[in-house]
Amino acid sequence: MKPNIDPKVMAMLNKFMPITALVVVYIIFSILAPQSFTSGRNLALIVRQTTIVGITALGMTLVIISGGIDLSVGSIVALVTVVVAWMLDHNVSPILAAAAALLVGSLCGAVNGTLITRLKLVPFIITLGTLLIFRGLAKGVAGEQKIDAPLSYLNELLAALKPEQAWMIVPPGVWILILLAILVTLMLNYTRFGLHTFAVGANEQAARLCGVSVEKTKLAIYTLSGMFAGFAGLMQFARLTVGDPTVAAGLELDAIAAVVIGGGSLAGGEGSVSGTMIGALIMTVIRAGCTQMGLSNWVQEMVTGAIIIGAVVLDRMRHKKTT
């Protein structure tokens, strides 16, 4: 006999489980890692490092709530860094370069959405293909090497704050993440598009029968996912100060893990921005803790893989308990 768990209890567990996990992970590394892990400087670094994963995960939240997946976001980020560096290297203004970053990301997302809705293929296959296409395009534009770009105020988006900038509390890139998170929260909870996003993920056929334009909704969702990858690519460029076509490999897995750890369901119809942000923080804290402990990259990759498997198992367990 399956346990009969009150849906309200399950909702409370799902709501507080991510923040509990974050606290537990932080305490563990506070004990095991060097004292520098709990320093203000390291905490500021964790927040800055969360920005790239967090912005990418915002778009992934929309995609996963709708019942889809987007494996191409890491490649989009790499392509965007190359485009921004190339434009700056050709004396284009930073504002236009930043606008180009969002445009390129949105176009890549629109390509994904168009292929998914027109070819009627599962998003996994389409975005697996475009992952390679966008990555190859990034390498082609960059001539298979890094593009150095002149310094501009874009490099300050994720830079450590100077003493005279202490009033900002955190760098501009982190404020951009916070603003985007608020906007996505409002969109999901208070707009028709947000309602349609949940409806498509919960039951696509029922949503269609209720008059939801499923194809248009999916196209908009994947375009937004690409746009958020464009924002993340801009942050990645700010962090590296070069256009690197090989960067952000595996970022899509971190974003997916952040969404699922935060309570999103790979089956669709569930997810929240607050949960995703906590999930992104968990991923960053674990990476930072492993680095502080001097663990090799291959160990960190194994830990990340175990987290992803564990997140999917938890997702499956949540659904078994509610059925």
Protein backbone atom coordinates (compact mmCIF):
# COMPACT_ATOMS: atom_id res chain seq x y z
CA MET A 1 0.00 0.00 0.00
CA LYS A 2 1.35 3.41 -0.96
CA PRO A 3 1.69 5.96 1.84
CA ASN A 4 -1.11 8.48 1.88
CA ILE A 5 0.68 11.79 2.35
CA ASP A 6 -1.27 15.01 2.61
CA PRO A 7 -0.56 17.13 -0.51
CA LYS A 8 -0.16 20.19 1.74
CA VAL A 9 2.54 18.38 3.71
CA MET A 10 4.32 17.40 0.51
CA ALA A 11 4.10 20.99 -0.72
CA MET A 12 5.71 22.22 2.51
CA LEU A 13 8.45 19.59 2.26
CA ASN A 14 9.17 20.55 -1.35
CA LYS A 15 9.24 24.22 -0.39
CA PHE A 16 11.70 23.94 2.49
CA MET A 17 13.81 20.99 1.30
CA PRO A 18 16.06 23.10 -1.00
CA ILE A 19 16.89 25.73 1.64
CA THR A 20 17.51 22.97 4.20
CA ALA A 21 19.86 21.24 1.75
CA LEU A 22 21.72 24.53 1.18
CA VAL A 23 22.23 25.06 4.91
CA VAL A 24 23.41 21.46 5.40
CA VAL A 25 25.87 21.65 2.48
CA TYR A 26 27.27 24.96 3.75
CA ILE A 27 27.72 23.60 7.28
CA ILE A 28 29.48 20.49 5.98
CA PHE A 29 32.01 22.50 3.99
CA SER A 30 32.41 25.00 6.84
CA ILE A 31 33.64 22.05 8.93
CA LEU A 32 35.67 20.20 6.30
CA ALA A 33 37.11 23.06 4.23
CA PRO A 34 39.73 25.59 5.37
CA GLN A 35 38.62 28.60 7.42
CA SER A 36 38.85 30.75 4.30
CA PHE A 37 35.65 29.07 3.06
CA THR A 38 33.53 31.09 5.49
CA SER A 39 35.35 34.37 4.87
CA GLY A 40 33.44 37.33 3.49
CA ARG A 41 35.66 37.36 0.44
CA ASN A 42 34.83 33.74 -0.40
CA LEU A 43 31.12 34.30 0.18
CA ALA A 44 31.22 37.24 -2.23
CA LEU A 45 32.99 35.01 -4.76
CA ILE A 46 30.31 32.33 -4.38
CA VAL A 47 27.60 34.90 -5.05
CA ARG A 48 29.41 36.15 -8.18
CA GLN A 49 29.97 32.61 -9.45
CA THR A 50 26.30 31.77 -8.91
CA THR A 51 25.27 34.52 -11.32
CA ILE A 52 26.14 32.64 -14.52
CA VAL A 53 24.48 29.39 -13.46
CA GLY A 54 21.57 31.26 -11.91
CA ILE A 55 20.70 33.30 -15.01
CA THR A 56 20.98 30.21 -17.22
CA ALA A 57 18.79 28.29 -14.78
CA LEU A 58 16.08 30.95 -14.97
CA GLY A 59 15.53 30.09 -18.62
CA MET A 60 15.82 26.39 -17.84
CA THR A 61 13.10 26.81 -15.20
CA LEU A 62 10.63 27.94 -17.85
CA VAL A 63 11.66 25.10 -20.16
CA ILE A 64 11.40 22.38 -17.51
CA ILE A 65 8.07 23.67 -16.16
CA SER A 66 6.75 23.36 -19.72
CA GLY A 67 7.87 19.73 -19.84
CA GLY A 68 10.90 20.33 -22.07
CA ILE A 69 14.67 20.39 -21.83
CA ASP A 70 17.35 22.61 -23.34
CA LEU A 71 20.80 21.07 -23.71
CA SER A 72 22.13 23.87 -25.91
CA VAL A 73 22.41 26.69 -23.37
CA GLY A 74 26.10 26.07 -22.62
CA SER A 75 26.94 26.32 -26.31
CA ILE A 76 24.85 29.49 -26.61
CA VAL A 77 26.82 31.02 -23.75
CA ALA A 78 30.09 30.17 -25.53
CA LEU A 79 28.80 31.64 -28.81
CA VAL A 80 27.72 34.83 -27.07
CA THR A 81 31.14 35.35 -25.44
CA VAL A 82 32.74 35.02 -28.87
CA VAL A 83 30.29 37.47 -30.47
CA VAL A 84 30.77 40.07 -27.73
CA ALA A 85 34.58 39.79 -27.88
CA TRP A 86 34.58 39.95 -31.68
CA MET A 87 32.43 43.09 -31.70
CA LEU A 88 34.51 44.84 -29.05
CA ASP A 89 37.67 43.86 -30.92
CA HIS A 90 36.18 45.61 -33.99
CA ASN A 91 35.55 48.84 -32.03
CA VAL A 92 31.80 48.32 -31.60
CA SER A 93 30.41 50.09 -28.54
CA PRO A 94 29.89 47.95 -25.40
CA ILE A 95 26.16 48.76 -25.41
CA LEU A 96 25.73 47.39 -28.93
CA ALA A 97 27.86 44.36 -28.04
CA ALA A 98 25.63 43.66 -25.04
CA ALA A 99 22.51 44.07 -27.19
CA ALA A 100 24.03 41.67 -29.73
CA ALA A 101 24.58 39.14 -26.92
CA LEU A 102 20.88 39.12 -26.06
CA LEU A 103 19.87 39.07 -29.73
CA VAL A 104 22.14 36.13 -30.56
CA GLY A 105 20.91 34.21 -27.52
CA SER A 106 17.27 34.90 -28.40
CA LEU A 107 17.78 33.84 -32.02
CA CYS A 108 19.39 30.58 -30.92
CA GLY A 109 16.46 29.95 -28.59
CA ALA A 110 14.01 30.76 -31.36
CA VAL A 111 15.75 28.22 -33.61
CA ASN A 112 15.29 25.59 -30.91
CA GLY A 113 11.64 26.49 -30.42
CA THR A 114 10.91 26.53 -34.15
CA LEU A 115 12.53 23.13 -34.75
CA ILE A 116 10.74 21.59 -31.77
CA THR A 117 7.31 22.88 -32.76
CA ARG A 118 7.66 22.35 -36.52
CA LEU A 119 9.43 18.99 -36.63
CA LYS A 120 7.44 17.61 -33.68
CA LEU A 121 10.56 16.01 -32.23
CA VAL A 122 11.36 15.75 -28.53
CA PRO A 123 13.35 18.72 -27.19
CA PHE A 124 16.15 16.42 -26.02
CA ILE A 125 17.01 15.43 -29.59
CA ILE A 126 16.65 18.91 -31.07
CA THR A 127 18.71 20.69 -28.43
CA LEU A 128 21.33 17.92 -28.45
CA GLY A 129 21.79 18.67 -32.14
CA THR A 130 21.83 22.44 -31.71
CA LEU A 131 24.29 22.04 -28.83
CA LEU A 132 26.81 20.85 -31.42
CA ILE A 133 25.71 23.36 -34.06
CA PHE A 134 26.03 26.41 -31.79
CA ARG A 135 29.33 25.17 -30.34
CA GLY A 136 30.69 24.62 -33.84
CA LEU A 137 29.50 28.07 -34.90
CA ALA A 138 31.28 29.61 -31.91
CA LYS A 139 34.52 27.87 -32.87
CA GLY A 140 34.11 28.94 -36.49
CA VAL A 141 33.52 32.62 -35.64
CA ALA A 142 36.51 32.57 -33.27
CA GLY A 143 38.75 30.71 -35.69
CA GLU A 144 39.07 27.94 -33.09
CA GLN A 145 40.92 30.19 -30.67
CA LYS A 146 40.16 32.73 -27.97
CA ILE A 147 39.36 36.30 -28.99
CA ASP A 148 40.98 38.97 -26.85
CA ALA A 149 38.90 42.09 -26.44
CA PRO A 150 39.79 45.60 -25.23
CA LEU A 151 38.73 46.47 -21.71
CA SER A 152 35.33 48.10 -21.28
CA TYR A 153 32.77 48.61 -18.55
CA LEU A 154 31.31 45.20 -19.45
CA ASN A 155 34.29 43.71 -17.63
CA GLU A 156 33.01 45.31 -14.41
CA LEU A 157 29.74 43.38 -14.38
CA LEU A 158 31.12 40.58 -12.21
CA ALA A 159 34.36 42.12 -10.96
CA ALA A 160 35.03 42.36 -7.24
CA LEU A 161 33.84 45.67 -5.89
CA LYS A 162 36.38 48.39 -5.22
CA PRO A 163 36.33 50.13 -1.81
CA GLU A 164 34.55 53.16 -3.27
CA GLN A 165 31.85 50.83 -4.70
CA ALA A 166 30.97 49.24 -1.37
CA TRP A 167 27.58 50.98 -1.45
CA MET A 168 26.54 48.58 -4.24
CA ILE A 169 26.90 45.60 -1.84
CA VAL A 170 27.27 43.20 -4.80
CA PRO A 171 28.50 43.69 -8.41
CA PRO A 172 26.06 44.86 -11.13
CA GLY A 173 25.82 41.35 -12.61
CA VAL A 174 24.38 40.01 -9.35
CA TRP A 175 21.79 42.80 -9.31
CA ILE A 176 20.88 41.85 -12.88
CA LEU A 177 20.33 38.26 -11.71
CA ILE A 178 18.11 39.45 -8.85
CA LEU A 179 16.08 41.69 -11.18
CA LEU A 180 15.63 38.91 -13.75
CA ALA A 181 14.59 36.48 -11.02
CA ILE A 182 11.92 38.91 -9.80
CA LEU A 183 10.63 39.46 -13.33
CA VAL A 184 10.40 35.73 -14.06
CA THR A 185 8.63 35.15 -10.73
CA LEU A 186 6.04 37.81 -11.57
CA MET A 187 5.66 36.42 -15.08
CA LEU A 188 5.06 32.86 -13.89
CA ASN A 189 2.66 33.78 -11.10
CA TYR A 190 0.71 36.74 -12.45
CA THR A 191 0.51 36.52 -16.25
CA ARG A 192 -1.42 34.44 -18.74
CA PHE A 193 1.87 33.30 -20.27
CA GLY A 194 2.95 31.90 -16.90
CA LEU A 195 -0.35 30.08 -16.53
CA HIS A 196 0.03 28.63 -20.02
CA THR A 197 3.59 27.54 -19.25
CA PHE A 198 2.44 25.47 -16.27
CA ALA A 199 -0.57 24.16 -18.21
CA VAL A 200 1.55 22.92 -21.13
CA GLY A 201 3.91 21.14 -18.75
CA ALA A 202 1.17 19.59 -16.65
CA ASN A 203 -0.89 18.23 -19.55
CA GLU A 204 -0.23 19.43 -23.08
CA GLN A 205 -3.34 17.89 -24.61
CA ALA A 206 -5.61 19.32 -21.93
CA ALA A 207 -3.99 22.73 -22.38
CA ARG A 208 -4.62 22.53 -26.12
CA LEU A 209 -8.27 21.65 -25.54
CA CYS A 210 -8.58 24.63 -23.20
CA GLY A 211 -7.49 26.96 -25.99
CA VAL A 212 -3.82 27.37 -25.15
CA SER A 213 -1.64 27.93 -28.22
CA VAL A 214 0.90 25.25 -27.31
CA GLU A 215 3.24 25.91 -30.26
CA LYS A 216 3.40 29.66 -29.66
CA THR A 217 3.93 29.12 -25.94
CA LYS A 218 6.79 26.69 -26.55
CA LEU A 219 8.38 29.01 -29.09
CA ALA A 220 8.27 31.88 -26.60
CA ILE A 221 9.66 29.68 -23.82
CA TYR A 222 12.68 28.50 -25.82
CA THR A 223 13.30 32.02 -27.12
CA LEU A 224 13.36 33.28 -23.53
CA SER A 225 15.68 30.43 -22.55
CA GLY A 226 18.05 31.54 -25.30
CA MET A 227 17.79 35.16 -24.17
CA PHE A 228 18.72 34.20 -20.61
CA ALA A 229 21.65 32.21 -22.00
CA GLY A 230 22.59 35.44 -23.78
CA PHE A 231 22.59 37.27 -20.45
CA ALA A 232 24.67 34.44 -18.96
CA GLY A 233 27.09 34.65 -21.89
CA LEU A 234 27.52 38.36 -21.23
CA MET A 235 28.35 37.55 -17.60
CA GLN A 236 30.72 34.80 -18.68
CA PHE A 237 32.54 37.27 -20.93
CA ALA A 238 32.73 39.76 -18.06
CA ARG A 239 34.29 37.08 -15.87
CA LEU A 240 36.83 35.86 -18.47
CA THR A 241 37.31 39.14 -20.42
CA VAL A 242 37.82 37.04 -23.59
CA GLY A 243 35.62 35.25 -26.11
CA ASP A 244 36.20 31.54 -25.53
CA PRO A 245 34.39 29.03 -27.82
CA THR A 246 35.20 26.17 -25.45
CA VAL A 247 33.77 27.72 -22.29
CA ALA A 248 30.57 26.68 -20.45
CA ALA A 249 30.79 23.00 -21.39
CA GLY A 250 28.43 21.24 -18.98
CA LEU A 251 26.69 24.45 -17.90
CA GLU A 252 23.40 23.01 -19.13
CA LEU A 253 23.74 20.16 -16.63
CA ASP A 254 24.36 22.57 -13.76
CA ALA A 255 21.27 24.56 -14.78
CA ILE A 256 19.10 21.44 -15.00
CA ALA A 257 20.37 20.22 -11.63
CA ALA A 258 19.66 23.64 -10.07
CA VAL A 259 16.04 23.54 -11.27
CA VAL A 260 15.42 19.96 -10.11
CA ILE A 261 17.17 20.45 -6.75
CA GLY A 262 14.96 23.51 -6.29
CA GLY A 263 11.78 21.45 -6.67
CA GLY A 264 11.25 21.53 -10.42
CA SER A 265 9.99 18.35 -12.05
CA LEU A 266 11.45 16.83 -15.20
CA ALA A 267 7.92 15.58 -15.89
CA GLY A 268 6.80 19.22 -16.26
CA GLY A 269 4.21 21.35 -14.54
CA GLU A 270 6.28 22.12 -11.41
CA GLY A 271 9.02 24.56 -10.54
CA SER A 272 9.76 27.91 -8.94
CA VAL A 273 12.29 30.68 -9.33
CA SER A 274 13.13 30.76 -5.63
CA GLY A 275 13.82 27.02 -5.64
CA THR A 276 15.98 27.34 -8.73
CA MET A 277 18.06 30.13 -7.19
CA ILE A 278 18.65 28.02 -4.08
CA GLY A 279 19.57 25.07 -6.30
CA ALA A 280 22.08 27.24 -8.18
CA LEU A 281 23.60 28.35 -4.87
CA ILE A 282 23.91 24.73 -3.75
CA MET A 283 25.80 23.83 -6.94
CA THR A 284 28.16 26.80 -6.49
CA VAL A 285 28.76 26.15 -2.79
CA ILE A 286 29.69 22.54 -3.54
CA ARG A 287 32.08 23.61 -6.32
CA ALA A 288 33.64 26.26 -4.09
CA GLY A 289 33.94 23.86 -1.17
CA CYS A 290 35.62 21.20 -3.32
CA THR A 291 38.05 23.81 -4.64
CA GLN A 292 38.85 25.08 -1.14
CA MET A 293 39.57 21.50 -0.07
CA GLY A 294 41.96 21.10 -2.99
CA LEU A 295 40.00 18.34 -4.68
CA SER A 296 40.91 17.61 -8.29
CA ASN A 297 38.65 18.57 -11.16
CA TRP A 298 37.78 14.95 -11.86
CA VAL A 299 36.51 14.57 -8.29
CA GLN A 300 34.40 17.71 -8.68
CA GLU A 301 32.93 16.34 -11.92
CA MET A 302 32.03 13.08 -10.18
CA VAL A 303 30.40 15.00 -7.34
CA THR A 304 28.40 17.08 -9.82
CA GLY A 305 27.27 13.92 -11.62
CA ALA A 306 26.20 12.34 -8.34
CA ILE A 307 24.21 15.47 -7.49
CA ILE A 308 22.39 15.35 -10.82
CA ILE A 309 21.50 11.67 -10.33
CA GLY A 310 20.39 12.36 -6.77
CA ALA A 311 18.23 15.28 -7.90
CA VAL A 312 16.47 13.12 -10.49
CA VAL A 313 15.93 10.35 -7.91
CA LEU A 314 14.40 12.88 -5.50
CA ASP A 315 12.16 14.13 -8.29
CA ARG A 316 10.97 10.60 -8.97
CA MET A 317 10.39 9.93 -5.27
CA ARG A 318 8.32 13.11 -4.92
CA HIS A 319 6.03 11.98 -7.71
CA LYS A 320 5.68 8.44 -6.39
CA LYS A 321 4.58 9.79 -3.01
CA THR A 322 1.89 11.97 -4.54
CA THR A 323 0.39 9.24 -6.77
